[in-house]
PDB file of N, CA and C in Angstrom:
ATOM      1  N   MET A   1      42.459   3.466  58.480  1.00  0.00           N
ATOM      2  CA  MET A   1      42.091   4.081  57.224  1.00  0.00           C
ATOM      3  C   MET A   1      43.349   4.317  56.407  1.00  0.00           C
ATOM      4  N   LYS A   2      43.252   4.053  55.091  1.00  0.00           N
ATOM      5  CA  LYS A   2      44.376   4.298  54.189  1.00  0.00           C
ATOM      6  C   LYS A   2      43.906   5.215  53.064  1.00  0.00           C
ATOM      7  N   VAL A   3      44.688   6.268  52.808  1.00  0.00           N
ATOM      8  CA  VAL A   3      44.406   7.193  51.723  1.00  0.00           C
ATOM      9  C   VAL A   3      45.606   7.218  50.785  1.00  0.00           C
ATOM     10  N   VAL A   4      45.395   7.708  49.584  1.00  0.00           N
ATOM     11  CA  VAL A   4      46.465   7.764  48.589  1.00  0.00           C
ATOM     12  C   VAL A   4      46.768   9.214  48.266  1.00  0.00           C
ATOM     13  N   THR A   5      48.060   9.527  48.213  1.00  0.00           N
ATOM     14  CA  THR A   5      48.513  10.863  47.831  1.00  0.00           C
ATOM     15  C   THR A   5      49.600  10.737  46.772  1.00  0.00           C
ATOM     16  N   GLY A   6      49.863  11.832  46.133  1.00  0.00           N
ATOM     17  CA  GLY A   6      50.917  11.912  45.128  1.00  0.00           C
ATOM     18  C   GLY A   6      50.997  13.351  44.652  1.00  0.00           C
ATOM     19  N   ASN A   7      51.601  13.541  43.501  1.00  0.00           N
ATOM     20  CA  ASN A   7      51.703  14.873  42.920  1.00  0.00           C
ATOM     21  C   ASN A   7      51.066  14.872  41.540  1.00  0.00           C
ATOM     22  N   ASP A   8      50.337  15.949  41.254  1.00  0.00           N
ATOM     23  CA  ASP A   8      49.719  16.126  39.948  1.00  0.00           C
ATOM     24  C   ASP A   8      50.815  16.258  38.900  1.00  0.00           C
ATOM     25  N   LEU A   9      50.685  15.503  37.823  1.00  0.00           N
ATOM     26  CA  LEU A   9      51.716  15.508  36.785  1.00  0.00           C
ATOM     27  C   LEU A   9      51.836  16.853  36.085  1.00  0.00           C
ATOM     28  N   LYS A  10      50.742  17.574  35.932  1.00  0.00           N
ATOM     29  CA  LYS A  10      50.777  18.857  35.214  1.00  0.00           C
ATOM     30  C   LYS A  10      51.278  20.001  36.079  1.00  0.00           C
ATOM     31  N   SER A  11      50.776  20.091  37.320  1.00  0.00           N
ATOM     32  CA  SER A  11      51.086  21.256  38.153  1.00  0.00           C
ATOM     33  C   SER A  11      52.110  20.976  39.253  1.00  0.00           C
ATOM     34  N   GLY A  12      52.291  19.709  39.622  1.00  0.00           N
ATOM     35  CA  GLY A  12      53.174  19.371  40.726  1.00  0.00           C
ATOM     36  C   GLY A  12      52.500  19.481  42.082  1.00  0.00           C
ATOM     37  N   ALA A  13      51.230  19.897  42.100  1.00  0.00           N
ATOM     38  CA  ALA A  13      50.501  20.074  43.358  1.00  0.00           C
ATOM     39  C   ALA A  13      50.311  18.736  44.071  1.00  0.00           C
ATOM     40  N   VAL A  14      50.276  18.787  45.388  1.00  0.00           N
ATOM     41  CA  VAL A  14      49.958  17.611  46.193  1.00  0.00           C
ATOM     42  C   VAL A  14      48.479  17.292  45.969  1.00  0.00           C
ATOM     43  N   ILE A  15      48.191  16.034  45.681  1.00  0.00           N
ATOM     44  CA  ILE A  15      46.807  15.628  45.434  1.00  0.00           C
ATOM     45  C   ILE A  15      46.470  14.375  46.238  1.00  0.00           C
ATOM     46  N   TRP A  16      45.175  14.185  46.476  1.00  0.00           N
ATOM     47  CA  TRP A  16      44.654  13.075  47.288  1.00  0.00           C
ATOM     48  C   TRP A  16      43.558  12.378  46.498  1.00  0.00           C
ATOM     49  N   TRP A  17      43.507  11.036  46.564  1.00  0.00           N
ATOM     50  CA  TRP A  17      42.483  10.290  45.844  1.00  0.00           C
ATOM     51  C   TRP A  17      41.137  10.501  46.515  1.00  0.00           C
ATOM     52  N   ALA A  18      40.149  10.959  45.743  1.00  0.00           N
ATOM     53  CA  ALA A  18      38.821  11.286  46.278  1.00  0.00           C
ATOM     54  C   ALA A  18      37.758  10.256  45.899  1.00  0.00           C
ATOM     55  N   GLY A  19      38.161   9.143  45.324  1.00  0.00           N
ATOM     56  CA  GLY A  19      37.214   8.102  44.974  1.00  0.00           C
ATOM     57  C   GLY A  19      36.811   8.123  43.519  1.00  0.00           C
ATOM     58  N   ASP A  20      36.664   9.310  42.956  1.00  0.00           N
ATOM     59  CA  ASP A  20      36.279   9.433  41.551  1.00  0.00           C
ATOM     60  C   ASP A  20      37.252  10.324  40.788  1.00  0.00           C
ATOM     61  N   GLY A  21      38.383  10.590  41.380  1.00  0.00           N
ATOM     62  CA  GLY A  21      39.392  11.464  40.793  1.00  0.00           C
ATOM     63  C   GLY A  21      40.280  12.026  41.890  1.00  0.00           C
ATOM     64  N   TRP A  22      41.071  13.005  41.542  1.00  0.00           N
ATOM     65  CA  TRP A  22      42.033  13.585  42.479  1.00  0.00           C
ATOM     66  C   TRP A  22      41.565  14.941  42.980  1.00  0.00           C
ATOM     67  N   SER A  23      41.953  15.268  44.214  1.00  0.00           N
ATOM     68  CA  SER A  23      41.610  16.553  44.826  1.00  0.00           C
ATOM     69  C   SER A  23      42.845  17.130  45.502  1.00  0.00           C
ATOM     70  N   ARG A  24      42.918  18.434  45.579  1.00  0.00           N
ATOM     71  CA  ARG A  24      44.004  19.092  46.316  1.00  0.00           C
ATOM     72  C   ARG A  24      43.723  19.136  47.811  1.00  0.00           C
ATOM     73  N   HIS A  25      42.546  18.695  48.211  1.00  0.00           N
ATOM     74  CA  HIS A  25      42.131  18.826  49.607  1.00  0.00           C
ATOM     75  C   HIS A  25      42.006  17.475  50.293  1.00  0.00           C
ATOM     76  N   ILE A  26      42.733  17.298  51.389  1.00  0.00           N
ATOM     77  CA  ILE A  26      42.719  16.055  52.152  1.00  0.00           C
ATOM     78  C   ILE A  26      41.305  15.716  52.629  1.00  0.00           C
ATOM     79  N   GLU A  27      40.470  16.716  52.833  1.00  0.00           N
ATOM     80  CA  GLU A  27      39.102  16.479  53.303  1.00  0.00           C
ATOM     81  C   GLU A  27      38.307  15.617  52.322  1.00  0.00           C
ATOM     82  N   ASP A  28      38.710  15.625  51.051  1.00  0.00           N
ATOM     83  CA  ASP A  28      38.016  14.867  50.017  1.00  0.00           C
ATOM     84  C   ASP A  28      38.525  13.428  49.891  1.00  0.00           C
ATOM     85  N   ALA A  29      39.639  13.115  50.551  1.00  0.00           N
ATOM     86  CA  ALA A  29      40.249  11.790  50.413  1.00  0.00           C
ATOM     87  C   ALA A  29      39.345  10.701  50.980  1.00  0.00           C
ATOM     88  N   VAL A  30      39.363   9.544  50.317  1.00  0.00           N
ATOM     89  CA  VAL A  30      38.550   8.407  50.744  1.00  0.00           C
ATOM     90  C   VAL A  30      39.449   7.237  51.127  1.00  0.00           C
ATOM     91  N   ASP A  31      38.906   6.363  51.944  1.00  0.00           N
ATOM     92  CA  ASP A  31      39.614   5.156  52.366  1.00  0.00           C
ATOM     93  C   ASP A  31      39.727   4.208  51.173  1.00  0.00           C
ATOM     94  N   VAL A  32      40.961   3.820  50.823  1.00  0.00           N
ATOM     95  CA  VAL A  32      41.172   2.907  49.701  1.00  0.00           C
ATOM     96  C   VAL A  32      41.380   1.475  50.171  1.00  0.00           C
ATOM     97  N   GLY A  33      41.417   1.263  51.477  1.00  0.00           N
ATOM     98  CA  GLY A  33      41.606  -0.083  52.008  1.00  0.00           C
ATOM     99  C   GLY A  33      42.886  -0.706  51.484  1.00  0.00           C
ATOM    100  N   GLU A  34      42.756  -1.923  50.987  1.00  0.00           N
ATOM    101  CA  GLU A  34      43.923  -2.649  50.475  1.00  0.00           C
ATOM    102  C   GLU A  34      44.133  -2.457  48.977  1.00  0.00           C
ATOM    103  N   THR A  35      43.357  -1.584  48.342  1.00  0.00           N
ATOM    104  CA  THR A  35      43.453  -1.392  46.888  1.00  0.00           C
ATOM    105  C   THR A  35      44.394  -0.264  46.486  1.00  0.00           C
ATOM    106  N   GLY A  36      45.062   0.341  47.449  1.00  0.00           N
ATOM    107  CA  GLY A  36      45.893   1.510  47.175  1.00  0.00           C
ATOM    108  C   GLY A  36      46.975   1.290  46.132  1.00  0.00           C
ATOM    109  N   ASP A  37      47.719   0.200  46.241  1.00  0.00           N
ATOM    110  CA  ASP A  37      48.818  -0.036  45.297  1.00  0.00           C
ATOM    111  C   ASP A  37      48.308  -0.260  43.874  1.00  0.00           C
ATOM    112  N   THR A  38      47.189  -0.953  43.741  1.00  0.00           N
ATOM    113  CA  THR A  38      46.586  -1.173  42.423  1.00  0.00           C
ATOM    114  C   THR A  38      46.123   0.150  41.827  1.00  0.00           C
ATOM    115  N   LEU A  39      45.497   0.979  42.654  1.00  0.00           N
ATOM    116  CA  LEU A  39      45.033   2.296  42.221  1.00  0.00           C
ATOM    117  C   LEU A  39      46.207   3.159  41.765  1.00  0.00           C
ATOM    118  N   ILE A  40      47.273   3.175  42.549  1.00  0.00           N
ATOM    119  CA  ILE A  40      48.457   3.970  42.204  1.00  0.00           C
ATOM    120  C   ILE A  40      49.042   3.509  40.869  1.00  0.00           C
ATOM    121  N   ALA A  41      49.135   2.198  40.672  1.00  0.00           N
ATOM    122  CA  ALA A  41      49.683   1.675  39.416  1.00  0.00           C
ATOM    123  C   ALA A  41      48.838   2.130  38.222  1.00  0.00           C
ATOM    124  N   ALA A  42      47.506   2.065  38.358  1.00  0.00           N
ATOM    125  CA  ALA A  42      46.624   2.471  37.252  1.00  0.00           C
ATOM    126  C   ALA A  42      46.718   3.966  36.982  1.00  0.00           C
ATOM    127  N   GLU A  43      46.732   4.777  38.028  1.00  0.00           N
ATOM    128  CA  GLU A  43      46.789   6.230  37.863  1.00  0.00           C
ATOM    129  C   GLU A  43      48.158   6.691  37.354  1.00  0.00           C
ATOM    130  N   THR A  44      49.214   6.000  37.763  1.00  0.00           N
ATOM    131  CA  THR A  44      50.549   6.318  37.258  1.00  0.00           C
ATOM    132  C   THR A  44      50.643   5.970  35.784  1.00  0.00           C
ATOM    133  N   ALA A  45      50.117   4.807  35.410  1.00  0.00           N
ATOM    134  CA  ALA A  45      50.134   4.389  34.005  1.00  0.00           C
ATOM    135  C   ALA A  45      49.331   5.348  33.130  1.00  0.00           C
ATOM    136  N   ALA A  46      48.255   5.902  33.675  1.00  0.00           N
ATOM    137  CA  ALA A  46      47.430   6.858  32.931  1.00  0.00           C
ATOM    138  C   ALA A  46      48.035   8.263  32.946  1.00  0.00           C
ATOM    139  N   GLN A  47      49.173   8.415  33.587  1.00  0.00           N
ATOM    140  CA  GLN A  47      49.905   9.678  33.689  1.00  0.00           C
ATOM    141  C   GLN A  47      49.083  10.796  34.329  1.00  0.00           C
ATOM    142  N   ARG A  48      48.362  10.444  35.397  1.00  0.00           N
ATOM    143  CA  ARG A  48      47.605  11.448  36.142  1.00  0.00           C
ATOM    144  C   ARG A  48      48.263  11.800  37.472  1.00  0.00           C
ATOM    145  N   VAL A  49      49.194  10.953  37.930  1.00  0.00           N
ATOM    146  CA  VAL A  49      49.837  11.184  39.217  1.00  0.00           C
ATOM    147  C   VAL A  49      51.289  10.731  39.147  1.00  0.00           C
ATOM    148  N   ASN A  50      52.125  11.391  39.932  1.00  0.00           N
ATOM    149  CA  ASN A  50      53.534  11.048  40.030  1.00  0.00           C
ATOM    150  C   ASN A  50      53.866  10.794  41.497  1.00  0.00           C
ATOM    151  N   GLY A  51      54.611   9.752  41.767  1.00  0.00           N
ATOM    152  CA  GLY A  51      55.077   9.494  43.122  1.00  0.00           C
ATOM    153  C   GLY A  51      53.978   9.142  44.104  1.00  0.00           C
ATOM    154  N   GLY A  52      52.946   8.473  43.640  1.00  0.00           N
ATOM    155  CA  GLY A  52      51.838   8.121  44.519  1.00  0.00           C
ATOM    156  C   GLY A  52      52.233   7.105  45.575  1.00  0.00           C
ATOM    157  N   TYR A  53      51.635   7.220  46.753  1.00  0.00           N
ATOM    158  CA  TYR A  53      51.864   6.252  47.819  1.00  0.00           C
ATOM    159  C   TYR A  53      50.687   6.238  48.786  1.00  0.00           C
ATOM    160  N   VAL A  54      50.589   5.146  49.527  1.00  0.00           N
ATOM    161  CA  VAL A  54      49.506   4.952  50.493  1.00  0.00           C
ATOM    162  C   VAL A  54      49.916   5.556  51.828  1.00  0.00           C
ATOM    163  N   VAL A  55      48.968   6.247  52.462  1.00  0.00           N
ATOM    164  CA  VAL A  55      49.206   6.925  53.734  1.00  0.00           C
ATOM    165  C   VAL A  55      48.221   6.399  54.779  1.00  0.00           C
ATOM    166  N   GLU A  56      48.728   6.038  55.932  1.00  0.00           N
ATOM    167  CA  GLU A  56      47.857   5.696  57.059  1.00  0.00           C
ATOM    168  C   GLU A  56      47.247   6.993  57.579  1.00  0.00           C
ATOM    169  N   ALA A  57      45.961   6.957  57.886  1.00  0.00           N
ATOM    170  CA  ALA A  57      45.273   8.154  58.375  1.00  0.00           C
ATOM    171  C   ALA A  57      44.221   7.760  59.404  1.00  0.00           C
ATOM    172  N   THR A  58      43.811   8.750  60.171  1.00  0.00           N
ATOM    173  CA  THR A  58      42.747   8.584  61.151  1.00  0.00           C
ATOM    174  C   THR A  58      41.533   9.367  60.676  1.00  0.00           C
ATOM    175  N   PRO A  59      40.367   8.737  60.643  1.00  0.00           N
ATOM    176  CA  PRO A  59      39.176   9.501  60.250  1.00  0.00           C
ATOM    177  C   PRO A  59      38.789  10.492  61.345  1.00  0.00           C
ATOM    178  N   THR A  60      38.448  11.711  60.945  1.00  0.00           N
ATOM    179  CA  THR A  60      37.982  12.737  61.876  1.00  0.00           C
ATOM    180  C   THR A  60      36.741  13.382  61.261  1.00  0.00           C
ATOM    181  N   PRO A  61      35.987  14.158  62.035  1.00  0.00           N
ATOM    182  CA  PRO A  61      34.824  14.843  61.459  1.00  0.00           C
ATOM    183  C   PRO A  61      35.194  15.801  60.323  1.00  0.00           C
ATOM    184  N   GLU A  62      36.420  16.318  60.327  1.00  0.00           N
ATOM    185  CA  GLU A  62      36.873  17.243  59.282  1.00  0.00           C
ATOM    186  C   GLU A  62      37.465  16.518  58.083  1.00  0.00           C
ATOM    187  N   GLY A  63      37.570  15.207  58.143  1.00  0.00           N
ATOM    188  CA  GLY A  63      38.184  14.421  57.085  1.00  0.00           C
ATOM    189  C   GLY A  63      39.382  13.667  57.617  1.00  0.00           C
ATOM    190  N   PRO A  64      40.054  12.909  56.763  1.00  0.00           N
ATOM    191  CA  PRO A  64      41.207  12.118  57.211  1.00  0.00           C
ATOM    192  C   PRO A  64      42.337  12.986  57.749  1.00  0.00           C
ATOM    193  N   ARG A  65      43.001  12.489  58.795  1.00  0.00           N
ATOM    194  CA  ARG A  65      44.190  13.154  59.335  1.00  0.00           C
ATOM    195  C   ARG A  65      45.348  12.180  59.203  1.00  0.00           C
ATOM    196  N   PRO A  66      46.310  12.473  58.299  1.00  0.00           N
ATOM    197  CA  PRO A  66      47.438  11.566  58.110  1.00  0.00           C
ATOM    198  C   PRO A  66      48.171  11.292  59.419  1.00  0.00           C
ATOM    199  N   ALA A  67      48.620  10.046  59.582  1.00  0.00           N
ATOM    200  CA  ALA A  67      49.296   9.636  60.811  1.00  0.00           C
ATOM    201  C   ALA A  67      50.682  10.263  60.949  1.00  0.00           C
ATOM    202  N   HIS A  68      51.363  10.468  59.846  1.00  0.00           N
ATOM    203  CA  HIS A  68      52.738  10.975  59.884  1.00  0.00           C
ATOM    204  C   HIS A  68      52.755  12.482  59.638  1.00  0.00           C
ATOM    205  N   ILE A  69      53.598  13.191  60.381  1.00  0.00           N
ATOM    206  CA  ILE A  69      53.676  14.658  60.274  1.00  0.00           C
ATOM    207  C   ILE A  69      54.041  15.107  58.855  1.00  0.00           C
ATOM    208  N   LYS A  70      54.884  14.337  58.166  1.00  0.00           N
ATOM    209  CA  LYS A  70      55.259  14.692  56.780  1.00  0.00           C
ATOM    210  C   LYS A  70      54.013  14.837  55.912  1.00  0.00           C
ATOM    211  N   ASP A  71      53.099  13.904  56.042  1.00  0.00           N
ATOM    212  CA  ASP A  71      51.900  13.939  55.210  1.00  0.00           C
ATOM    213  C   ASP A  71      50.896  14.970  55.688  1.00  0.00           C
ATOM    214  N   ARG A  72      50.894  15.307  56.973  1.00  0.00           N
ATOM    215  CA  ARG A  72      50.044  16.401  57.451  1.00  0.00           C
ATOM    216  C   ARG A  72      50.548  17.725  56.894  1.00  0.00           C
ATOM    217  N   ILE A  73      51.861  17.891  56.804  1.00  0.00           N
ATOM    218  CA  ILE A  73      52.431  19.104  56.203  1.00  0.00           C
ATOM    219  C   ILE A  73      52.085  19.155  54.716  1.00  0.00           C
ATOM    220  N   ARG A  74      52.197  18.023  54.017  1.00  0.00           N
ATOM    221  CA  ARG A  74      51.826  17.976  52.591  1.00  0.00           C
ATOM    222  C   ARG A  74      50.363  18.367  52.403  1.00  0.00           C
ATOM    223  N   ALA A  75      49.502  17.928  53.332  1.00  0.00           N
ATOM    224  CA  ALA A  75      48.065  18.204  53.224  1.00  0.00           C
ATOM    225  C   ALA A  75      47.751  19.678  53.453  1.00  0.00           C
ATOM    226  N   LEU A  76      48.474  20.321  54.348  1.00  0.00           N
ATOM    227  CA  LEU A  76      48.183  21.706  54.713  1.00  0.00           C
ATOM    228  C   LEU A  76      48.832  22.714  53.778  1.00  0.00           C
ATOM    229  N   GLY A  77      50.050  22.452  53.376  1.00  0.00           N
ATOM    230  CA  GLY A  77      50.786  23.411  52.566  1.00  0.00           C
ATOM    231  C   GLY A  77      51.918  24.030  53.381  1.00  0.00           C
ATOM    232  N   PRO A  78      52.464  25.157  52.953  1.00  0.00           N
ATOM    233  CA  PRO A  78      53.609  25.761  53.640  1.00  0.00           C
ATOM    234  C   PRO A  78      53.339  25.991  55.132  1.00  0.00           C
ATOM    235  N   THR A  79      54.325  25.687  55.956  1.00  0.00           N
ATOM    236  CA  THR A  79      54.153  25.860  57.404  1.00  0.00           C
ATOM    237  C   THR A  79      54.782  27.145  57.919  1.00  0.00           C
ATOM    238  N   VAL A  80      55.645  27.763  57.145  1.00  0.00           N
ATOM    239  CA  VAL A  80      56.275  28.999  57.606  1.00  0.00           C
ATOM    240  C   VAL A  80      55.338  30.189  57.515  1.00  0.00           C
ATOM    241  N   ARG A  81      54.422  30.135  56.561  1.00  0.00           N
ATOM    242  CA  ARG A  81      53.427  31.200  56.414  1.00  0.00           C
ATOM    243  C   ARG A  81      52.079  30.544  56.167  1.00  0.00           C
ATOM    244  N   LEU A  82      51.315  30.382  57.234  1.00  0.00           N
ATOM    245  CA  LEU A  82      50.027  29.713  57.110  1.00  0.00           C
ATOM    246  C   LEU A  82      49.051  30.482  56.229  1.00  0.00           C
ATOM    247  N   ASP A  83      49.312  31.785  56.003  1.00  0.00           N
ATOM    248  CA  ASP A  83      48.441  32.533  55.104  1.00  0.00           C
ATOM    249  C   ASP A  83      48.584  32.065  53.657  1.00  0.00           C
ATOM    250  N   LEU A  84      49.634  31.296  53.356  1.00  0.00           N
ATOM    251  CA  LEU A  84      49.829  30.737  52.024  1.00  0.00           C
ATOM    252  C   LEU A  84      49.386  29.272  51.944  1.00  0.00           C
ATOM    253  N   SER A  85      48.884  28.740  53.047  1.00  0.00           N
ATOM    254  CA  SER A  85      48.476  27.333  53.081  1.00  0.00           C
ATOM    255  C   SER A  85      47.129  27.139  52.395  1.00  0.00           C
ATOM    256  N   LEU A  86      46.655  25.902  52.352  1.00  0.00           N
ATOM    257  CA  LEU A  86      45.350  25.613  51.762  1.00  0.00           C
ATOM    258  C   LEU A  86      44.208  26.035  52.677  1.00  0.00           C
ATOM    259  N   LYS A  87      44.525  26.394  53.927  1.00  0.00           N
ATOM    260  CA  LYS A  87      43.500  26.836  54.885  1.00  0.00           C
ATOM    261  C   LYS A  87      43.932  28.166  55.504  1.00  0.00           C
ATOM    262  N   PRO A  88      44.079  29.226  54.708  1.00  0.00           N
ATOM    263  CA  PRO A  88      44.634  30.478  55.224  1.00  0.00           C
ATOM    264  C   PRO A  88      43.788  31.171  56.288  1.00  0.00           C
ATOM    265  N   VAL A  89      42.493  30.952  56.324  1.00  0.00           N
ATOM    266  CA  VAL A  89      41.651  31.628  57.314  1.00  0.00           C
ATOM    267  C   VAL A  89      41.432  30.789  58.564  1.00  0.00           C
ATOM    268  N   ASP A  90      41.956  29.569  58.577  1.00  0.00           N
ATOM    269  CA  ASP A  90      41.812  28.685  59.732  1.00  0.00           C
ATOM    270  C   ASP A  90      42.977  28.920  60.688  1.00  0.00           C
ATOM    271  N   HIS A  91      42.717  29.643  61.749  1.00  0.00           N
ATOM    272  CA  HIS A  91      43.782  29.999  62.689  1.00  0.00           C
ATOM    273  C   HIS A  91      44.289  28.805  63.488  1.00  0.00           C
ATOM    274  N   ASP A  92      43.556  27.714  63.509  1.00  0.00           N
ATOM    275  CA  ASP A  92      43.983  26.513  64.203  1.00  0.00           C
ATOM    276  C   ASP A  92      44.692  25.524  63.274  1.00  0.00           C
ATOM    277  N   ALA A  93      44.902  25.879  62.028  1.00  0.00           N
ATOM    278  CA  ALA A  93      45.484  24.967  61.057  1.00  0.00           C
ATOM    279  C   ALA A  93      46.873  24.491  61.481  1.00  0.00           C
ATOM    280  N   GLY A  94      47.666  25.352  62.070  1.00  0.00           N
ATOM    281  CA  GLY A  94      49.004  24.963  62.527  1.00  0.00           C
ATOM    282  C   GLY A  94      48.945  23.896  63.605  1.00  0.00           C
ATOM    283  N   ASN A  95      47.923  23.914  64.433  1.00  0.00           N
ATOM    284  CA  ASN A  95      47.768  22.901  65.472  1.00  0.00           C
ATOM    285  C   ASN A  95      47.446  21.540  64.877  1.00  0.00           C
ATOM    286  N   TRP A  96      46.816  21.526  63.716  1.00  0.00           N
ATOM    287  CA  TRP A  96      46.445  20.272  63.051  1.00  0.00           C
ATOM    288  C   TRP A  96      47.688  19.502  62.619  1.00  0.00           C
ATOM    289  N   VAL A  97      48.752  20.222  62.238  1.00  0.00           N
ATOM    290  CA  VAL A  97      49.966  19.583  61.771  1.00  0.00           C
ATOM    291  C   VAL A  97      50.667  18.864  62.904  1.00  0.00           C
ATOM    292  N   ILE A  98      50.809  19.504  64.032  1.00  0.00           N
ATOM    293  CA  ILE A  98      51.535  18.918  65.164  1.00  0.00           C
ATOM    294  C   ILE A  98      50.629  18.124  66.013  1.00  0.00           C
TER     295      ILE A  98
END
C-alpha cells in the first residue's frame, strides 16, 4: 500500500491524501498505488500541499500504518508528550510508533 503525505501550505500541519482531499488523520489515507507522484505534482501546482511524498504503508483495521518510523511519528504527532498528539486519549498510541 502507498499513501501520500505532505504539509498543509496554510497551517504547516502534516496531512494525508484521503482520496477526495487532504486530512490530518492517517486513518483517512487511501492507497494511491502508482499514481502518487502525479497526484503530488497536481496538488503542489494547485498550492494545496508542500513537500509531498509517497509513503509505503501496511493496511490495518485502524487504517494505514506507515512502514518507516519517521512517518509514524509524523502521523501521531509529538512523541515527548502524547497528550499533545492527535490521539491524546489513546494510551497505546506510543506503542503504534515503535
